[in-house]
Amino acid sequence: MASSDESSAITHKDLEYVVSTILSAMQDMEERIMTKVDVKIDGSESRMLLAMEQLRHDVVDTQNDKFSQHDDRLVRLEQHAGFSVS
């Protein structure tokens, strides 16, 4: 720890203490930042996967609707043309 006399020169031990304190604080800050970044990335990934799954369901539902509408249209055309509808 730094000596209490304000006019004394800093010793090698004092300098090591200051540097180790600064490095410790920087490492702690880096860990906190990385944890927050990881949480945000995980959250973003989850939201993106959810959006992709919702989009997939929308596409499948749209395709099914198109097939259903197509089948209904064929039945109407067959009925209009007088073909037997099964």
Foldseek 3Di string as FASTA:
>chain_A
DADPDPPDDGDPVNVVVVVVVVVVVVVVVVVVVVVVVVVVVVVVVVVVVVVVVVVVVVVVVVVVVVVVVVVVVVVVVCVVVVHDDD
